[in-house]
C-alpha atoms as a PDB file:
ATOM      1  CA  UNK A   1      72.770 -75.177  58.722  1.00  0.00           C
ATOM      2  CA  UNK A   2      73.572 -72.070  56.673  1.00  0.00           C
ATOM      3  CA  UNK A   3      75.847 -72.987  53.758  1.00  0.00           C
ATOM      4  CA  UNK A   4      79.288 -71.458  53.576  1.00  0.00           C
ATOM      5  CA  UNK A   5      79.871 -69.095  50.630  1.00  0.00           C
ATOM      6  CA  UNK A   6      80.320 -70.945  47.366  1.00  0.00           C
ATOM      7  CA  UNK A   7      78.665 -74.184  48.482  1.00  0.00           C
ATOM      8  CA  UNK A   8      75.130 -73.280  47.411  1.00  0.00           C
ATOM      9  CA  UNK A   9      73.450 -75.605  44.880  1.00  0.00           C
ATOM     10  CA  UNK A  10      74.487 -74.910  41.327  1.00  0.00           C
ATOM     11  CA  UNK A  11      77.966 -73.608  42.127  1.00  0.00           C
ATOM     12  CA  UNK A  12      81.224 -75.484  41.544  1.00  0.00           C
ATOM     13  CA  UNK A  13      79.308 -78.206  39.740  1.00  0.00           C
ATOM     14  CA  UNK A  14      81.492 -80.492  37.627  1.00  0.00           C
ATOM     15  CA  UNK A  15      79.806 -83.663  36.464  1.00  0.00           C
ATOM     16  CA  UNK A  16      83.115 -85.129  35.265  1.00  0.00           C
ATOM     17  CA  UNK A  17      84.259 -85.727  38.853  1.00  0.00           C
ATOM     18  CA  UNK A  18      83.408 -89.328  39.842  1.00  0.00           C
ATOM     19  CA  UNK A  19      82.215 -88.345  43.304  1.00  0.00           C
ATOM     20  CA  UNK A  20      80.310 -91.603  43.749  1.00  0.00           C
ATOM     21  CA  UNK A  21      83.610 -93.454  43.694  1.00  0.00           C
ATOM     22  CA  UNK A  22      84.985 -91.192  46.389  1.00  0.00           C
ATOM     23  CA  UNK A  23      81.771 -91.435  48.410  1.00  0.00           C
ATOM     24  CA  UNK A  24      82.174 -95.208  48.410  1.00  0.00           C
ATOM     25  CA  UNK A  25      85.694 -94.892  49.815  1.00  0.00           C
ATOM     26  CA  UNK A  26      84.518 -92.369  52.418  1.00  0.00           C
ATOM     27  CA  UNK A  27      81.480 -94.535  53.260  1.00  0.00           C
ATOM     28  CA  UNK A  28      79.368 -91.406  53.199  1.00  0.00           C
ATOM     29  CA  UNK A  29      76.737 -90.226  50.686  1.00  0.00           C
ATOM     30  CA  UNK A  30      76.643 -86.453  50.274  1.00  0.00           C
ATOM     31  CA  UNK A  31      73.404 -84.517  50.060  1.00  0.00           C
ATOM     32  CA  UNK A  32      75.351 -81.690  48.381  1.00  0.00           C
ATOM     33  CA  UNK A  33      77.725 -82.892  45.688  1.00  0.00           C
ATOM     34  CA  UNK A  34      78.807 -79.275  45.201  1.00  0.00           C
ATOM     35  CA  UNK A  35      80.134 -79.186  48.755  1.00  0.00           C
ATOM     36  CA  UNK A  36      82.317 -82.229  48.140  1.00  0.00           C
ATOM     37  CA  UNK A  37      83.566 -80.776  44.855  1.00  0.00           C
ATOM     38  CA  UNK A  38      84.537 -77.576  46.639  1.00  0.00           C
ATOM     39  CA  UNK A  39      86.447 -79.635  49.220  1.00  0.00           C
ATOM     40  CA  UNK A  40      88.441 -81.140  46.348  1.00  0.00           C
ATOM     41  CA  UNK A  41      89.185 -77.829  44.609  1.00  0.00           C
ATOM     42  CA  UNK A  42      92.530 -76.121  45.167  1.00  0.00           C
ATOM     43  CA  UNK A  43      92.668 -72.327  44.950  1.00  0.00           C
ATOM     44  CA  UNK A  44      94.752 -72.563  41.742  1.00  0.00           C
ATOM     45  CA  UNK A  45      91.872 -74.389  40.011  1.00  0.00           C
ATOM     46  CA  UNK A  46      89.169 -72.083  41.393  1.00  0.00           C
ATOM     47  CA  UNK A  47      91.071 -69.014  40.165  1.00  0.00           C
ATOM     48  CA  UNK A  48      91.521 -70.535  36.708  1.00  0.00           C
ATOM     49  CA  UNK A  49      87.789 -71.210  36.524  1.00  0.00           C
ATOM     50  CA  UNK A  50      86.980 -67.626  37.523  1.00  0.00           C
ATOM     51  CA  UNK A  51      85.607 -68.715  40.907  1.00  0.00           C
ATOM     52  CA  UNK A  52      87.953 -67.096  43.435  1.00  0.00           C
ATOM     53  CA  UNK A  53      87.061 -67.918  47.027  1.00  0.00           C
ATOM     54  CA  UNK A  54      85.263 -71.111  46.021  1.00  0.00           C
ATOM     55  CA  UNK A  55      88.174 -73.389  46.844  1.00  0.00           C
ATOM     56  CA  UNK A  56      88.854 -75.671  49.787  1.00  0.00           C
ATOM     57  CA  UNK A  57      90.893 -73.315  51.988  1.00  0.00           C
ATOM     58  CA  UNK A  58      88.038 -72.403  54.364  1.00  0.00           C
ATOM     59  CA  UNK A  59      86.959 -76.028  54.503  1.00  0.00           C
ATOM     60  CA  UNK A  60      90.501 -77.112  55.325  1.00  0.00           C
ATOM     61  CA  UNK A  61      90.577 -74.538  58.151  1.00  0.00           C
ATOM     62  CA  UNK A  62      87.313 -75.899  59.561  1.00  0.00           C
ATOM     63  CA  UNK A  63      88.391 -79.518  59.061  1.00  0.00           C
ATOM     64  CA  UNK A  64      91.512 -78.953  61.132  1.00  0.00           C
ATOM     65  CA  UNK A  65      89.339 -77.919  64.096  1.00  0.00           C
ATOM     66  CA  UNK A  66      86.841 -80.749  63.588  1.00  0.00           C
ATOM     67  CA  UNK A  67      89.696 -83.255  63.443  1.00  0.00           C
ATOM     68  CA  UNK A  68      91.292 -81.931  66.631  1.00  0.00           C
ATOM     69  CA  UNK A  69      88.010 -81.866  68.555  1.00  0.00           C
ATOM     70  CA  UNK A  70      86.661 -85.249  67.482  1.00  0.00           C
ATOM     71  CA  UNK A  71      89.979 -87.075  67.753  1.00  0.00           C
ATOM     72  CA  UNK A  72      90.518 -85.604  71.228  1.00  0.00           C
ATOM     73  CA  UNK A  73      87.104 -86.952  72.230  1.00  0.00           C
ATOM     74  CA  UNK A  74      87.924 -90.381  70.778  1.00  0.00           C
ATOM     75  CA  UNK A  75      91.270 -90.495  72.603  1.00  0.00           C
ATOM     76  CA  UNK A  76      89.630 -89.331  75.840  1.00  0.00           C
ATOM     77  CA  UNK A  77      87.115 -92.202  75.675  1.00  0.00           C
ATOM     78  CA  UNK A  78      89.595 -94.800  74.421  1.00  0.00           C
ATOM     79  CA  UNK A  79      92.461 -94.095  76.829  1.00  0.00           C
ATOM     80  CA  UNK A  80      90.930 -92.713  80.059  1.00  0.00           C
ATOM     81  CA  UNK A  81      94.041 -93.618  82.061  1.00  0.00           C
ATOM     82  CA  UNK A  82      96.584 -91.697  79.977  1.00  0.00           C
ATOM     83  CA  UNK A  83      98.004 -88.433  81.273  1.00  0.00           C
ATOM     84  CA  UNK A  84      97.273 -85.167  79.479  1.00  0.00           C
ATOM     85  CA  UNK A  85     100.812 -84.978  78.106  1.00  0.00           C
ATOM     86  CA  UNK A  86     100.581 -88.540  76.771  1.00  0.00           C
ATOM     87  CA  UNK A  87      97.236 -87.837  75.095  1.00  0.00           C
ATOM     88  CA  UNK A  88      98.688 -84.663  73.615  1.00  0.00           C
ATOM     89  CA  UNK A  89     101.673 -86.508  72.182  1.00  0.00           C
ATOM     90  CA  UNK A  90      99.492 -89.258  70.748  1.00  0.00           C
ATOM     91  CA  UNK A  91      97.147 -86.748  69.125  1.00  0.00           C
ATOM     92  CA  UNK A  92     100.072 -84.782  67.675  1.00  0.00           C
ATOM     93  CA  UNK A  93     101.480 -88.011  66.240  1.00  0.00           C
ATOM     94  CA  UNK A  94      98.158 -88.923  64.629  1.00  0.00           C
ATOM     95  CA  UNK A  95      97.383 -85.545  63.047  1.00  0.00           C
ATOM     96  CA  UNK A  96     100.761 -84.425  61.705  1.00  0.00           C
ATOM     97  CA  UNK A  97     100.847 -83.625  57.978  1.00  0.00           C
ATOM     98  CA  UNK A  98     102.653 -86.820  57.017  1.00  0.00           C
ATOM     99  CA  UNK A  99     100.111 -88.988  58.857  1.00  0.00           C
ATOM    100  CA  UNK A 100      97.149 -87.239  57.221  1.00  0.00           C
ATOM    101  CA  UNK A 101      98.780 -87.440  53.780  1.00  0.00           C
ATOM    102  CA  UNK A 102      99.210 -91.194  54.194  1.00  0.00           C
ATOM    103  CA  UNK A 103      95.527 -91.519  55.085  1.00  0.00           C
ATOM    104  CA  UNK A 104      94.604 -89.416  52.065  1.00  0.00           C
ATOM    105  CA  UNK A 105      96.667 -91.745  49.877  1.00  0.00           C
ATOM    106  CA  UNK A 106      94.923 -94.810  51.302  1.00  0.00           C
ATOM    107  CA  UNK A 107      91.612 -93.253  50.289  1.00  0.00           C
ATOM    108  CA  UNK A 108      92.993 -92.503  46.836  1.00  0.00           C
ATOM    109  CA  UNK A 109      92.139 -88.854  47.430  1.00  0.00           C
ATOM    110  CA  UNK A 110      94.887 -87.596  45.141  1.00  0.00           C
ATOM    111  CA  UNK A 111      92.961 -88.862  42.106  1.00  0.00           C
ATOM    112  CA  UNK A 112      90.020 -86.641  42.989  1.00  0.00           C
ATOM    113  CA  UNK A 113      91.755 -83.410  44.013  1.00  0.00           C
ATOM    114  CA  UNK A 114      91.435 -80.594  41.465  1.00  0.00           C
ATOM    115  CA  UNK A 115      94.507 -78.438  40.801  1.00  0.00           C
ATOM    116  CA  UNK A 116      95.169 -75.657  38.344  1.00  0.00           C
ATOM    117  CA  UNK A 117      97.971 -75.501  35.792  1.00  0.00           C
ATOM    118  CA  UNK A 118     100.056 -73.368  38.139  1.00  0.00           C
ATOM    119  CA  UNK A 119     100.294 -76.420  40.416  1.00  0.00           C
ATOM    120  CA  UNK A 120     101.283 -78.689  37.548  1.00  0.00           C
ATOM    121  CA  UNK A 121      97.783 -80.015  37.003  1.00  0.00           C
ATOM    122  CA  UNK A 122      97.608 -83.211  39.006  1.00  0.00           C
ATOM    123  CA  UNK A 123     101.143 -83.072  40.380  1.00  0.00           C
ATOM    124  CA  UNK A 124      99.836 -81.369  43.523  1.00  0.00           C
ATOM    125  CA  UNK A 125      98.232 -84.673  44.413  1.00  0.00           C
ATOM    126  CA  UNK A 126     101.702 -85.928  45.354  1.00  0.00           C
ATOM    127  CA  UNK A 127     102.402 -82.996  47.675  1.00  0.00           C
ATOM    128  CA  UNK A 128     102.227 -84.034  51.338  1.00  0.00           C
ATOM    129  CA  UNK A 129     100.816 -80.728  52.565  1.00  0.00           C
ATOM    130  CA  UNK A 130      98.187 -80.512  49.820  1.00  0.00           C
ATOM    131  CA  UNK A 131      97.078 -84.086  50.430  1.00  0.00           C
ATOM    132  CA  UNK A 132      96.729 -83.361  54.150  1.00  0.00           C
ATOM    133  CA  UNK A 133      94.813 -80.163  53.403  1.00  0.00           C
ATOM    134  CA  UNK A 134      92.476 -82.040  51.072  1.00  0.00           C
ATOM    135  CA  UNK A 135      91.868 -84.680  53.733  1.00  0.00           C
ATOM    136  CA  UNK A 136      90.854 -82.023  56.258  1.00  0.00           C
ATOM    137  CA  UNK A 137      88.677 -80.236  53.703  1.00  0.00           C
ATOM    138  CA  UNK A 138      86.782 -83.435  52.909  1.00  0.00           C
ATOM    139  CA  UNK A 139      86.282 -84.040  56.637  1.00  0.00           C
ATOM    140  CA  UNK A 140      84.818 -80.531  56.945  1.00  0.00           C
ATOM    141  CA  UNK A 141      82.533 -81.234  53.996  1.00  0.00           C
ATOM    142  CA  UNK A 142      81.208 -84.357  55.734  1.00  0.00           C
ATOM    143  CA  UNK A 143      80.663 -82.318  58.906  1.00  0.00           C
ATOM    144  CA  UNK A 144      78.800 -79.504  57.100  1.00  0.00           C
ATOM    145  CA  UNK A 145      76.756 -81.883  54.972  1.00  0.00           C
ATOM    146  CA  UNK A 146      75.711 -84.368  57.649  1.00  0.00           C
ATOM    147  CA  UNK A 147      76.711 -83.018  61.052  1.00  0.00           C
ATOM    148  CA  UNK A 148      79.020 -84.178  63.792  1.00  0.00           C
ATOM    149  CA  UNK A 149      77.944 -87.837  63.935  1.00  0.00           C
ATOM    150  CA  UNK A 150      78.991 -88.737  60.350  1.00  0.00           C
ATOM    151  CA  UNK A 151      82.283 -86.896  60.875  1.00  0.00           C
ATOM    152  CA  UNK A 152      82.884 -88.846  64.077  1.00  0.00           C
ATOM    153  CA  UNK A 153      82.045 -92.181  62.417  1.00  0.00           C
ATOM    154  CA  UNK A 154      84.425 -91.379  59.564  1.00  0.00           C
ATOM    155  CA  UNK A 155      87.292 -90.631  61.941  1.00  0.00           C
ATOM    156  CA  UNK A 156      86.547 -93.687  64.079  1.00  0.00           C
ATOM    157  CA  UNK A 157      86.867 -95.847  60.970  1.00  0.00           C
ATOM    158  CA  UNK A 158      90.025 -94.044  59.908  1.00  0.00           C
ATOM    159  CA  UNK A 159      91.854 -94.328  63.234  1.00  0.00           C
ATOM    160  CA  UNK A 160      90.379 -97.512  64.706  1.00  0.00           C
ATOM    161  CA  UNK A 161      93.133 -99.842  63.472  1.00  0.00           C
ATOM    162  CA  UNK A 162      95.914 -97.591  64.762  1.00  0.00           C
ATOM    163  CA  UNK A 163      94.255 -97.126  68.147  1.00  0.00           C
ATOM    164  CA  UNK A 164      93.616-100.871  68.419  1.00  0.00           C
ATOM    165  CA  UNK A 165      97.337-101.470  67.909  1.00  0.00           C
ATOM    166  CA  UNK A 166      98.099 -98.949  70.604  1.00  0.00           C
ATOM    167  CA  UNK A 167      95.679-100.642  73.026  1.00  0.00           C
ATOM    168  CA  UNK A 168      97.416-103.979  72.440  1.00  0.00           C
ATOM    169  CA  UNK A 169     100.832-102.418  72.920  1.00  0.00           C
ATOM    170  CA  UNK A 170     101.823-103.151  69.307  1.00  0.00           C
ATOM    171  CA  UNK A 171     101.989 -99.506  68.292  1.00  0.00           C
ATOM    172  CA  UNK A 172     104.600 -97.443  70.067  1.00  0.00           C
ATOM    173  CA  UNK A 173     105.268 -93.753  69.667  1.00  0.00           C
ATOM    174  CA  UNK A 174     108.961 -93.173  69.246  1.00  0.00           C
ATOM    175  CA  UNK A 175     111.021 -91.190  71.637  1.00  0.00           C
ATOM    176  CA  UNK A 176     109.946 -87.591  70.844  1.00  0.00           C
ATOM    177  CA  UNK A 177     113.515 -86.553  70.038  1.00  0.00           C
ATOM    178  CA  UNK A 178     113.863 -89.305  67.436  1.00  0.00           C
ATOM    179  CA  UNK A 179     110.402 -88.642  66.032  1.00  0.00           C
ATOM    180  CA  UNK A 180     111.085 -84.924  65.725  1.00  0.00           C
ATOM    181  CA  UNK A 181     114.402 -85.524  63.976  1.00  0.00           C
ATOM    182  CA  UNK A 182     112.780 -87.897  61.457  1.00  0.00           C
ATOM    183  CA  UNK A 183     109.954 -85.443  60.800  1.00  0.00           C
ATOM    184  CA  UNK A 184     112.352 -82.574  60.160  1.00  0.00           C
ATOM    185  CA  UNK A 185     114.512 -84.756  57.900  1.00  0.00           C
ATOM    186  CA  UNK A 186     111.412 -85.744  55.914  1.00  0.00           C
ATOM    187  CA  UNK A 187     110.659 -82.050  55.414  1.00  0.00           C
ATOM    188  CA  UNK A 188     114.239 -81.272  54.402  1.00  0.00           C
ATOM    189  CA  UNK A 189     114.757 -79.007  57.394  1.00  0.00           C
ATOM    190  CA  UNK A 190     117.720 -78.410  59.683  1.00  0.00           C
ATOM    191  CA  UNK A 191     118.329 -80.900  62.466  1.00  0.00           C
ATOM    192  CA  UNK A 192     117.140 -79.901  65.946  1.00  0.00           C
ATOM    193  CA  UNK A 193     119.560 -78.421  68.472  1.00  0.00           C
ATOM    194  CA  UNK A 194     119.046 -78.369  72.232  1.00  0.00           C
ATOM    195  CA  UNK A 195     120.501 -75.486  74.216  1.00  0.00           C
ATOM    196  CA  UNK A 196     120.862 -75.797  77.970  1.00  0.00           C
ATOM    197  CA  UNK A 197     119.555 -72.576  79.498  1.00  0.00           C
ATOM    198  CA  UNK A 198     119.964 -73.329  83.192  1.00  0.00           C
ATOM    199  CA  UNK A 199     120.630 -76.006  85.771  1.00  0.00           C
ATOM    200  CA  UNK A 200     119.439 -75.007  89.221  1.00  0.00           C
ATOM    201  CA  UNK A 201     118.944 -76.577  92.637  1.00  0.00           C
ATOM    202  CA  UNK A 202     121.066 -78.848  94.823  1.00  0.00           C
ATOM    203  CA  UNK A 203     122.676 -81.990  93.335  1.00  0.00           C
ATOM    204  CA  UNK A 204     119.911 -84.265  94.664  1.00  0.00           C
ATOM    205  CA  UNK A 205     117.100 -82.075  93.288  1.00  0.00           C
ATOM    206  CA  UNK A 206     118.317 -80.463  90.057  1.00  0.00           C
ATOM    207  CA  UNK A 207     116.056 -78.702  87.566  1.00  0.00           C
ATOM    208  CA  UNK A 208     117.138 -78.272  83.956  1.00  0.00           C
ATOM    209  CA  UNK A 209     115.734 -75.837  81.389  1.00  0.00           C
ATOM    210  CA  UNK A 210     116.350 -76.507  77.688  1.00  0.00           C
ATOM    211  CA  UNK A 211     115.454 -74.602  74.524  1.00  0.00           C
ATOM    212  CA  UNK A 212     114.821 -76.464  71.256  1.00  0.00           C
ATOM    213  CA  UNK A 213     116.107 -74.665  68.154  1.00  0.00           C
ATOM    214  CA  UNK A 214     115.512 -75.521  64.500  1.00  0.00           C
ATOM    215  CA  UNK A 215     117.348 -73.402  61.967  1.00  0.00           C
ATOM    216  CA  UNK A 216     118.000 -70.825  64.656  1.00  0.00           C
ATOM    217  CA  UNK A 217     114.288 -70.518  65.533  1.00  0.00           C
ATOM    218  CA  UNK A 218     112.843 -71.499  68.897  1.00  0.00           C
ATOM    219  CA  UNK A 219     110.425 -74.397  68.483  1.00  0.00           C
ATOM    220  CA  UNK A 220     109.960 -75.431  72.110  1.00  0.00           C
ATOM    221  CA  UNK A 221     111.203 -75.218  75.676  1.00  0.00           C
ATOM    222  CA  UNK A 222     111.367 -77.971  78.270  1.00  0.00           C
ATOM    223  CA  UNK A 223     111.935 -78.469  81.971  1.00  0.00           C
ATOM    224  CA  UNK A 224     113.028 -81.655  83.709  1.00  0.00           C
ATOM    225  CA  UNK A 225     114.861 -83.275  86.572  1.00  0.00           C
ATOM    226  CA  UNK A 226     117.529 -84.331  84.075  1.00  0.00           C
ATOM    227  CA  UNK A 227     118.829 -82.677  80.923  1.00  0.00           C
ATOM    228  CA  UNK A 228     117.516 -85.591  78.856  1.00  0.00           C
ATOM    229  CA  UNK A 229     114.029 -85.262  80.365  1.00  0.00           C
ATOM    230  CA  UNK A 230     114.011 -81.530  79.578  1.00  0.00           C
ATOM    231  CA  UNK A 231     115.046 -82.240  75.982  1.00  0.00           C
ATOM    232  CA  UNK A 232     112.276 -84.839  75.632  1.00  0.00           C
ATOM    233  CA  UNK A 233     109.711 -82.346  76.889  1.00  0.00           C
ATOM    234  CA  UNK A 234     110.941 -79.679  74.458  1.00  0.00           C
ATOM    235  CA  UNK A 235     110.832 -82.177  71.566  1.00  0.00           C
ATOM    236  CA  UNK A 236     107.288 -83.230  72.486  1.00  0.00           C
ATOM    237  CA  UNK A 237     106.144 -79.609  72.486  1.00  0.00           C
ATOM    238  CA  UNK A 238     107.924 -79.095  69.181  1.00  0.00           C
ATOM    239  CA  UNK A 239     106.011 -81.995  67.640  1.00  0.00           C
ATOM    240  CA  UNK A 240     102.721 -80.531  68.841  1.00  0.00           C
ATOM    241  CA  UNK A 241     103.558 -77.163  67.301  1.00  0.00           C
ATOM    242  CA  UNK A 242     104.533 -78.736  63.982  1.00  0.00           C
ATOM    243  CA  UNK A 243     101.199 -80.605  63.978  1.00  0.00           C
ATOM    244  CA  UNK A 244      99.388 -77.244  64.183  1.00  0.00           C
ATOM    245  CA  UNK A 245      98.680 -74.914  61.301  1.00  0.00           C
ATOM    246  CA  UNK A 246     100.452 -71.769  62.486  1.00  0.00           C
ATOM    247  CA  UNK A 247     104.042 -72.881  61.921  1.00  0.00           C
ATOM    248  CA  UNK A 248     104.359 -73.021  58.155  1.00  0.00           C
ATOM    249  CA  UNK A 249     107.905 -71.629  58.351  1.00  0.00           C
ATOM    250  CA  UNK A 250     108.975 -75.038  59.604  1.00  0.00           C
END
């Protein structure tokens, strides 16, 4: 596999990083230590070291796609009877920034991430978004270094306990409206508002259309046989969008 720019041997080398300790936590031995170091390097640190473009941003972008693909495959095999919407909600719940940051903390990843002075040195290691980004970058590094199988084994280990709870019925996803409200509160954002757009059809067969607004911005739209069902659909779509990478304004 052709290396990505900046991951060639000899670049980004920093012998002071105890990568063996991190490899033990990841249960994966890297062929390219430089690739792992790049996955741990924030752009602020790379710029300070005069190595612009040799940070973890590209790896984080790739890791997001690897995570989505592999976790979708795992969910497809684990829960063959779930509907598409249910699988989508479960995946969104598992890959939101807060969930990934918690997993990064369990791995002790914050101790290994490399930040520049502009990010307060190591204070970035306590930032939810940066922890989640680092987690995805390390996943991408595993994928590039060893291929899809090691990345899949890593994610199976990471999510096995949670999925086992779900199989036993011990792990329940909250009502999407409640989950969305908690997520927005955690991020210090405005509370969600649901605007009824239309109610059509005869009394015995009504159809409701609802728009979900956060801070005046449309985050999702839902349809349902009841207003509550339409709001739940809109909230579920909102959660999926917040789990993606294109909605940084929220």
